[in-house]
PDB file of N, CA and C in Angstrom:
ATOM      1  N   UNK A   1      -2.379  -0.926  28.182  1.00  0.00           N
ATOM      2  CA  UNK A   1      -1.910  -2.077  27.392  1.00  0.00           C
ATOM      3  C   UNK A   1      -0.359  -1.313  26.098  1.00  0.00           C
ATOM      4  N   UNK A   2       0.005  -2.198  25.546  1.00  0.00           N
ATOM      5  CA  UNK A   2       1.168  -1.477  24.433  1.00  0.00           C
ATOM      6  C   UNK A   2       1.238  -2.254  23.251  1.00  0.00           C
ATOM      7  N   UNK A   3       1.134  -0.760  22.287  1.00  0.00           N
ATOM      8  CA  UNK A   3       0.864  -0.722  20.214  1.00  0.00           C
ATOM      9  C   UNK A   3       1.883  -1.809  20.055  1.00  0.00           C
ATOM     10  N   UNK A   4       2.509  -2.141  19.381  1.00  0.00           N
ATOM     11  CA  UNK A   4       3.138  -2.792  18.472  1.00  0.00           C
ATOM     12  C   UNK A   4       2.462  -2.545  16.777  1.00  0.00           C
ATOM     13  N   UNK A   5       3.061  -2.155  16.556  1.00  0.00           N
ATOM     14  CA  UNK A   5       3.906  -1.418  15.580  1.00  0.00           C
ATOM     15  C   UNK A   5       4.701  -2.305  13.796  1.00  0.00           C
ATOM     16  N   UNK A   6       3.874  -3.287  13.186  1.00  0.00           N
ATOM     17  CA  UNK A   6       4.749  -3.811  12.026  1.00  0.00           C
ATOM     18  C   UNK A   6       5.697  -3.336  11.568  1.00  0.00           C
ATOM     19  N   UNK A   7       6.448  -2.618  10.523  1.00  0.00           N
ATOM     20  CA  UNK A   7       6.344  -2.705   9.043  1.00  0.00           C
ATOM     21  C   UNK A   7       8.173  -3.565   8.129  1.00  0.00           C
ATOM     22  N   UNK A   8       6.679  -4.092   7.108  1.00  0.00           N
ATOM     23  CA  UNK A   8       6.447  -4.878   6.096  1.00  0.00           C
ATOM     24  C   UNK A   8       7.499  -4.007   4.310  1.00  0.00           C
ATOM     25  N   UNK A   9       8.690  -4.609   4.394  1.00  0.00           N
ATOM     26  CA  UNK A   9       9.373  -3.359   2.995  1.00  0.00           C
ATOM     27  C   UNK A   9       8.706  -4.556   1.581  1.00  0.00           C
ATOM     28  N   UNK A  10       8.522  -3.845   1.311  1.00  0.00           N
ATOM     29  CA  UNK A  10       7.610  -4.314  -0.934  1.00  0.00           C
ATOM     30  C   UNK A  10       8.670  -4.101  -1.658  1.00  0.00           C
ATOM     31  N   UNK A  11       9.800  -4.553  -2.571  1.00  0.00           N
ATOM     32  CA  UNK A  11      10.448  -4.449  -3.533  1.00  0.00           C
ATOM     33  C   UNK A  11       9.369  -4.075  -4.707  1.00  0.00           C
ATOM     34  N   UNK A  12       9.624  -2.179  -4.994  1.00  0.00           N
ATOM     35  CA  UNK A  12       8.466  -1.055  -5.395  1.00  0.00           C
ATOM     36  C   UNK A  12       9.239  -1.856  -6.932  1.00  0.00           C
ATOM     37  N   UNK A  13      10.548  -1.499  -6.987  1.00  0.00           N
ATOM     38  CA  UNK A  13      11.022  -0.993  -8.536  1.00  0.00           C
ATOM     39  C   UNK A  13      12.965  -1.860  -8.346  1.00  0.00           C
ATOM     40  N   UNK A  14      13.696  -1.460  -9.338  1.00  0.00           N
ATOM     41  CA  UNK A  14      14.639  -0.952  -9.116  1.00  0.00           C
ATOM     42  C   UNK A  14      15.485  -0.240  -9.305  1.00  0.00           C
ATOM     43  N   UNK A  15      16.615   0.862  -8.449  1.00  0.00           N
ATOM     44  CA  UNK A  15      16.957   2.152  -8.741  1.00  0.00           C
ATOM     45  C   UNK A  15      17.204   2.200 -10.404  1.00  0.00           C
ATOM     46  N   UNK A  16      17.383   1.941 -11.173  1.00  0.00           N
ATOM     47  CA  UNK A  16      17.288   1.753 -12.349  1.00  0.00           C
ATOM     48  C   UNK A  16      15.905   2.532 -13.384  1.00  0.00           C
ATOM     49  N   UNK A  17      15.588   1.910 -12.071  1.00  0.00           N
ATOM     50  CA  UNK A  17      13.495   1.620 -13.605  1.00  0.00           C
ATOM     51  C   UNK A  17      13.367   3.319 -13.028  1.00  0.00           C
ATOM     52  N   UNK A  18      13.692   3.566 -11.690  1.00  0.00           N
ATOM     53  CA  UNK A  18      13.117   5.067 -11.760  1.00  0.00           C
ATOM     54  C   UNK A  18      14.225   5.855 -12.339  1.00  0.00           C
ATOM     55  N   UNK A  19      13.100   7.215 -12.430  1.00  0.00           N
ATOM     56  CA  UNK A  19      14.095   7.968 -14.056  1.00  0.00           C
ATOM     57  C   UNK A  19      13.764   9.144 -12.409  1.00  0.00           C
ATOM     58  N   UNK A  20      15.959  10.100 -12.934  1.00  0.00           N
ATOM     59  CA  UNK A  20      15.808  11.109 -11.867  1.00  0.00           C
ATOM     60  C   UNK A  20      15.164  11.955 -12.400  1.00  0.00           C
ATOM     61  N   UNK A  21      14.786  12.273 -11.205  1.00  0.00           N
ATOM     62  CA  UNK A  21      13.684  13.874 -10.373  1.00  0.00           C
ATOM     63  C   UNK A  21      12.885  13.518 -11.021  1.00  0.00           C
ATOM     64  N   UNK A  22      12.385  12.799 -10.518  1.00  0.00           N
ATOM     65  CA  UNK A  22      11.007  12.031 -11.577  1.00  0.00           C
ATOM     66  C   UNK A  22       9.752  11.310 -11.128  1.00  0.00           C
ATOM     67  N   UNK A  23       8.904  11.072 -11.342  1.00  0.00           N
ATOM     68  CA  UNK A  23       8.067   9.550 -11.173  1.00  0.00           C
ATOM     69  C   UNK A  23       8.323   8.276 -11.587  1.00  0.00           C
ATOM     70  N   UNK A  24       7.500   6.971 -11.328  1.00  0.00           N
ATOM     71  CA  UNK A  24       7.104   6.014 -11.462  1.00  0.00           C
ATOM     72  C   UNK A  24       6.019   5.509 -10.890  1.00  0.00           C
ATOM     73  N   UNK A  25       5.593   5.105 -11.802  1.00  0.00           N
ATOM     74  CA  UNK A  25       3.837   3.981 -11.137  1.00  0.00           C
ATOM     75  C   UNK A  25       4.182   2.354 -10.847  1.00  0.00           C
ATOM     76  N   UNK A  26       4.402   2.174  -9.954  1.00  0.00           N
ATOM     77  CA  UNK A  26       3.879   1.084  -9.065  1.00  0.00           C
ATOM     78  C   UNK A  26       3.074   0.397  -8.786  1.00  0.00           C
ATOM     79  N   UNK A  27       2.569  -1.021  -9.057  1.00  0.00           N
ATOM     80  CA  UNK A  27       1.353  -1.373  -7.912  1.00  0.00           C
ATOM     81  C   UNK A  27       1.928  -2.303  -7.494  1.00  0.00           C
ATOM     82  N   UNK A  28       1.227  -1.862  -5.137  1.00  0.00           N
ATOM     83  CA  UNK A  28       1.161  -2.166  -4.865  1.00  0.00           C
ATOM     84  C   UNK A  28       0.388  -2.620  -4.151  1.00  0.00           C
ATOM     85  N   UNK A  29      -0.117  -4.808  -4.115  1.00  0.00           N
ATOM     86  CA  UNK A  29      -1.112  -4.797  -3.676  1.00  0.00           C
ATOM     87  C   UNK A  29      -2.067  -4.238  -3.750  1.00  0.00           C
ATOM     88  N   UNK A  30      -2.212  -3.915  -4.760  1.00  0.00           N
ATOM     89  CA  UNK A  30      -3.864  -3.569  -5.322  1.00  0.00           C
ATOM     90  C   UNK A  30      -4.146  -1.783  -5.673  1.00  0.00           C
ATOM     91  N   UNK A  31      -2.679  -1.447  -5.038  1.00  0.00           N
ATOM     92  CA  UNK A  31      -2.789  -0.503  -5.382  1.00  0.00           C
ATOM     93  C   UNK A  31      -1.852   0.303  -6.026  1.00  0.00           C
ATOM     94  N   UNK A  32      -2.019   1.795  -6.416  1.00  0.00           N
ATOM     95  CA  UNK A  32      -1.537   1.833  -7.349  1.00  0.00           C
ATOM     96  C   UNK A  32      -0.252   2.944  -7.045  1.00  0.00           C
ATOM     97  N   UNK A  33       0.848   3.142  -6.573  1.00  0.00           N
ATOM     98  CA  UNK A  33       1.849   3.691  -5.634  1.00  0.00           C
ATOM     99  C   UNK A  33       3.121   4.674  -6.653  1.00  0.00           C
ATOM    100  N   UNK A  34       2.679   5.577  -6.115  1.00  0.00           N
ATOM    101  CA  UNK A  34       4.227   7.018  -6.784  1.00  0.00           C
ATOM    102  C   UNK A  34       4.284   7.725  -6.525  1.00  0.00           C
ATOM    103  N   UNK A  35       6.221   6.797  -6.990  1.00  0.00           N
ATOM    104  CA  UNK A  35       7.270   6.729  -6.504  1.00  0.00           C
ATOM    105  C   UNK A  35       8.307   8.158  -7.130  1.00  0.00           C
ATOM    106  N   UNK A  36       8.981   8.454  -6.400  1.00  0.00           N
ATOM    107  CA  UNK A  36      10.059   9.423  -6.580  1.00  0.00           C
ATOM    108  C   UNK A  36      11.304   9.817  -5.747  1.00  0.00           C
ATOM    109  N   UNK A  37      12.106   9.711  -7.351  1.00  0.00           N
ATOM    110  CA  UNK A  37      13.971   9.881  -6.372  1.00  0.00           C
ATOM    111  C   UNK A  37      14.067  11.622  -7.451  1.00  0.00           C
ATOM    112  N   UNK A  38      14.135  11.694  -5.429  1.00  0.00           N
ATOM    113  CA  UNK A  38      14.962  13.523  -6.193  1.00  0.00           C
ATOM    114  C   UNK A  38      16.279  13.426  -5.918  1.00  0.00           C
ATOM    115  N   UNK A  39      17.089  13.045  -6.705  1.00  0.00           N
ATOM    116  CA  UNK A  39      18.666  13.205  -7.246  1.00  0.00           C
ATOM    117  C   UNK A  39      19.205  14.201  -6.220  1.00  0.00           C
ATOM    118  N   UNK A  40      19.012  14.801  -6.362  1.00  0.00           N
ATOM    119  CA  UNK A  40      19.795  16.127  -5.965  1.00  0.00           C
ATOM    120  C   UNK A  40      19.990  16.323  -4.772  1.00  0.00           C
ATOM    121  N   UNK A  41      18.268  15.903  -3.509  1.00  0.00           N
ATOM    122  CA  UNK A  41      18.422  15.922  -2.037  1.00  0.00           C
ATOM    123  C   UNK A  41      18.670  13.530  -1.682  1.00  0.00           C
ATOM    124  N   UNK A  42      18.922  12.605  -2.427  1.00  0.00           N
ATOM    125  CA  UNK A  42      19.278  11.396  -2.093  1.00  0.00           C
ATOM    126  C   UNK A  42      18.483  10.915  -1.598  1.00  0.00           C
ATOM    127  N   UNK A  43      16.936  11.003  -1.886  1.00  0.00           N
ATOM    128  CA  UNK A  43      15.867  11.179  -0.769  1.00  0.00           C
ATOM    129  C   UNK A  43      14.921  10.654  -2.004  1.00  0.00           C
ATOM    130  N   UNK A  44      13.719   9.422  -0.883  1.00  0.00           N
ATOM    131  CA  UNK A  44      13.261   9.188  -2.386  1.00  0.00           C
ATOM    132  C   UNK A  44      10.849   9.345  -1.732  1.00  0.00           C
ATOM    133  N   UNK A  45      10.822   9.413  -2.591  1.00  0.00           N
ATOM    134  CA  UNK A  45       8.999   9.977  -1.600  1.00  0.00           C
ATOM    135  C   UNK A  45       8.409   8.997  -2.295  1.00  0.00           C
ATOM    136  N   UNK A  46       7.106   8.060  -2.060  1.00  0.00           N
ATOM    137  CA  UNK A  46       6.155   7.664  -2.314  1.00  0.00           C
ATOM    138  C   UNK A  46       4.411   7.954  -2.353  1.00  0.00           C
ATOM    139  N   UNK A  47       3.372   8.413  -2.528  1.00  0.00           N
ATOM    140  CA  UNK A  47       2.836   8.771  -2.512  1.00  0.00           C
ATOM    141  C   UNK A  47       1.382   7.745  -3.171  1.00  0.00           C
ATOM    142  N   UNK A  48       0.316   8.342  -2.879  1.00  0.00           N
ATOM    143  CA  UNK A  48      -0.968   7.836  -4.567  1.00  0.00           C
ATOM    144  C   UNK A  48      -0.622   8.288  -5.351  1.00  0.00           C
ATOM    145  N   UNK A  49      -0.334   7.374  -6.343  1.00  0.00           N
ATOM    146  CA  UNK A  49      -0.696   7.703  -8.166  1.00  0.00           C
ATOM    147  C   UNK A  49      -2.317   8.852  -8.360  1.00  0.00           C
ATOM    148  N   UNK A  50      -3.032   8.636  -7.355  1.00  0.00           N
ATOM    149  CA  UNK A  50      -4.399   9.500  -8.035  1.00  0.00           C
ATOM    150  C   UNK A  50      -3.890  11.378  -7.411  1.00  0.00           C
ATOM    151  N   UNK A  51      -4.328  11.902  -9.014  1.00  0.00           N
ATOM    152  CA  UNK A  51      -4.775  13.565  -8.274  1.00  0.00           C
ATOM    153  C   UNK A  51      -6.026  13.339  -7.913  1.00  0.00           C
ATOM    154  N   UNK A  52      -5.827  14.440  -6.688  1.00  0.00           N
ATOM    155  CA  UNK A  52      -6.850  14.454  -5.256  1.00  0.00           C
ATOM    156  C   UNK A  52      -8.287  15.252  -6.411  1.00  0.00           C
ATOM    157  N   UNK A  53      -7.899  16.248  -7.182  1.00  0.00           N
ATOM    158  CA  UNK A  53      -8.606  17.044  -7.826  1.00  0.00           C
ATOM    159  C   UNK A  53      -9.592  16.367  -8.926  1.00  0.00           C
ATOM    160  N   UNK A  54      -8.737  15.590 -10.331  1.00  0.00           N
ATOM    161  CA  UNK A  54      -9.863  15.280 -10.904  1.00  0.00           C
ATOM    162  C   UNK A  54     -10.214  13.710 -10.552  1.00  0.00           C
ATOM    163  N   UNK A  55      -9.290  12.708  -9.975  1.00  0.00           N
ATOM    164  CA  UNK A  55      -9.750  11.313  -8.928  1.00  0.00           C
ATOM    165  C   UNK A  55      -8.896  10.992 -10.889  1.00  0.00           C
ATOM    166  N   UNK A  56      -7.904  10.611 -11.101  1.00  0.00           N
ATOM    167  CA  UNK A  56      -6.965  10.125 -11.720  1.00  0.00           C
ATOM    168  C   UNK A  56      -5.128   9.979 -11.707  1.00  0.00           C
ATOM    169  N   UNK A  57      -5.433   8.154 -11.778  1.00  0.00           N
ATOM    170  CA  UNK A  57      -3.974   8.180 -11.397  1.00  0.00           C
ATOM    171  C   UNK A  57      -3.255   8.586 -12.643  1.00  0.00           C
ATOM    172  N   UNK A  58      -2.834  10.549 -12.140  1.00  0.00           N
ATOM    173  CA  UNK A  58      -1.295   9.854 -12.328  1.00  0.00           C
ATOM    174  C   UNK A  58      -0.312  11.073 -12.644  1.00  0.00           C
ATOM    175  N   UNK A  59      -0.279  11.370 -10.987  1.00  0.00           N
ATOM    176  CA  UNK A  59       0.542  11.975 -10.285  1.00  0.00           C
ATOM    177  C   UNK A  59       1.854  11.966 -10.489  1.00  0.00           C
ATOM    178  N   UNK A  60       2.368  10.509 -11.399  1.00  0.00           N
ATOM    179  CA  UNK A  60       3.618   9.488 -11.525  1.00  0.00           C
ATOM    180  C   UNK A  60       4.280  10.338 -12.405  1.00  0.00           C
ATOM    181  N   UNK A  61       3.246  10.453 -13.024  1.00  0.00           N
ATOM    182  CA  UNK A  61       4.034  11.715 -14.333  1.00  0.00           C
ATOM    183  C   UNK A  61       4.012  12.771 -14.138  1.00  0.00           C
ATOM    184  N   UNK A  62       3.915  13.677 -12.613  1.00  0.00           N
ATOM    185  CA  UNK A  62       4.329  15.035 -12.395  1.00  0.00           C
ATOM    186  C   UNK A  62       5.537  15.683 -11.795  1.00  0.00           C
ATOM    187  N   UNK A  63       5.150  16.507 -11.830  1.00  0.00           N
ATOM    188  CA  UNK A  63       6.732  17.725 -11.735  1.00  0.00           C
ATOM    189  C   UNK A  63       7.366  17.411 -10.120  1.00  0.00           C
ATOM    190  N   UNK A  64       8.198  17.269 -10.039  1.00  0.00           N
ATOM    191  CA  UNK A  64       8.823  17.343  -8.444  1.00  0.00           C
ATOM    192  C   UNK A  64       9.686  18.886  -8.245  1.00  0.00           C
ATOM    193  N   UNK A  65       9.717  19.174  -7.204  1.00  0.00           N
ATOM    194  CA  UNK A  65      10.314  20.157  -6.716  1.00  0.00           C
ATOM    195  C   UNK A  65      10.740  20.630  -5.495  1.00  0.00           C
ATOM    196  N   UNK A  66      10.837  21.494  -5.169  1.00  0.00           N
ATOM    197  CA  UNK A  66      10.326  22.155  -3.461  1.00  0.00           C
ATOM    198  C   UNK A  66      10.851  23.668  -3.043  1.00  0.00           C
ATOM    199  N   UNK A  67       9.319  23.456  -2.270  1.00  0.00           N
ATOM    200  CA  UNK A  67       9.589  24.931  -2.218  1.00  0.00           C
ATOM    201  C   UNK A  67       9.867  24.909   0.162  1.00  0.00           C
ATOM    202  N   UNK A  68      10.588  25.285  -0.380  1.00  0.00           N
ATOM    203  CA  UNK A  68      12.046  25.663   1.170  1.00  0.00           C
ATOM    204  C   UNK A  68      12.227  24.768   0.723  1.00  0.00           C
ATOM    205  N   UNK A  69      11.949  23.190   2.419  1.00  0.00           N
ATOM    206  CA  UNK A  69      12.402  22.332   2.661  1.00  0.00           C
ATOM    207  C   UNK A  69      11.965  21.379   2.136  1.00  0.00           C
ATOM    208  N   UNK A  70      10.215  22.087   1.951  1.00  0.00           N
ATOM    209  CA  UNK A  70       9.050  20.483   1.758  1.00  0.00           C
ATOM    210  C   UNK A  70       9.201  20.628   0.007  1.00  0.00           C
ATOM    211  N   UNK A  71       9.498  19.008   0.044  1.00  0.00           N
ATOM    212  CA  UNK A  71       9.524  18.056  -1.817  1.00  0.00           C
ATOM    213  C   UNK A  71       8.104  18.178  -2.065  1.00  0.00           C
ATOM    214  N   UNK A  72       7.588  18.903  -3.483  1.00  0.00           N
ATOM    215  CA  UNK A  72       6.377  18.617  -3.818  1.00  0.00           C
ATOM    216  C   UNK A  72       6.380  18.589  -4.427  1.00  0.00           C
ATOM    217  N   UNK A  73       5.085  17.560  -5.387  1.00  0.00           N
ATOM    218  CA  UNK A  73       4.739  16.967  -6.635  1.00  0.00           C
ATOM    219  C   UNK A  73       3.591  17.737  -7.117  1.00  0.00           C
ATOM    220  N   UNK A  74       3.677  18.336  -9.080  1.00  0.00           N
ATOM    221  CA  UNK A  74       2.702  18.998  -9.230  1.00  0.00           C
ATOM    222  C   UNK A  74       2.457  18.175 -10.174  1.00  0.00           C
ATOM    223  N   UNK A  75       0.675  18.483 -10.260  1.00  0.00           N
ATOM    224  CA  UNK A  75       0.070  17.679 -10.721  1.00  0.00           C
ATOM    225  C   UNK A  75       0.116  17.815 -12.254  1.00  0.00           C
ATOM    226  N   UNK A  76       0.233  16.545 -13.226  1.00  0.00           N
ATOM    227  CA  UNK A  76       0.711  17.114 -14.087  1.00  0.00           C
ATOM    228  C   UNK A  76      -0.570  18.308 -15.293  1.00  0.00           C
ATOM    229  N   UNK A  77      -1.745  17.977 -14.770  1.00  0.00           N
ATOM    230  CA  UNK A  77      -2.915  18.453 -15.411  1.00  0.00           C
ATOM    231  C   UNK A  77      -3.455  19.725 -15.093  1.00  0.00           C
ATOM    232  N   UNK A  78      -2.569  19.719 -13.626  1.00  0.00           N
ATOM    233  CA  UNK A  78      -2.948  21.099 -12.926  1.00  0.00           C
ATOM    234  C   UNK A  78      -1.659  22.067 -12.528  1.00  0.00           C
ATOM    235  N   UNK A  79      -0.374  21.666 -12.679  1.00  0.00           N
ATOM    236  CA  UNK A  79       1.074  22.445 -12.492  1.00  0.00           C
ATOM    237  C   UNK A  79       0.832  22.692 -11.506  1.00  0.00           C
ATOM    238  N   UNK A  80       0.374  22.472 -10.410  1.00  0.00           N
ATOM    239  CA  UNK A  80       0.523  22.994  -9.455  1.00  0.00           C
ATOM    240  C   UNK A  80       0.206  21.934  -7.857  1.00  0.00           C
TER     241      UNK A  80
END
């Protein structure tokens, strides 16, 4: 049996709404999503806005960086 995967795109925000090298929170389908734009990499990333430790919707206010080539976001509560 063949598996068919479909992808649909949603407009989350305009590029001008996003903070360079920072995050912005958007709501899509009733869920908070943290979007990050790494300007030096010219790449966008998205994840749930929820801190996995405190279970608070705060990740979009976190700091971004890299560990080697791997992009990372640090929760503003933990800086980890």
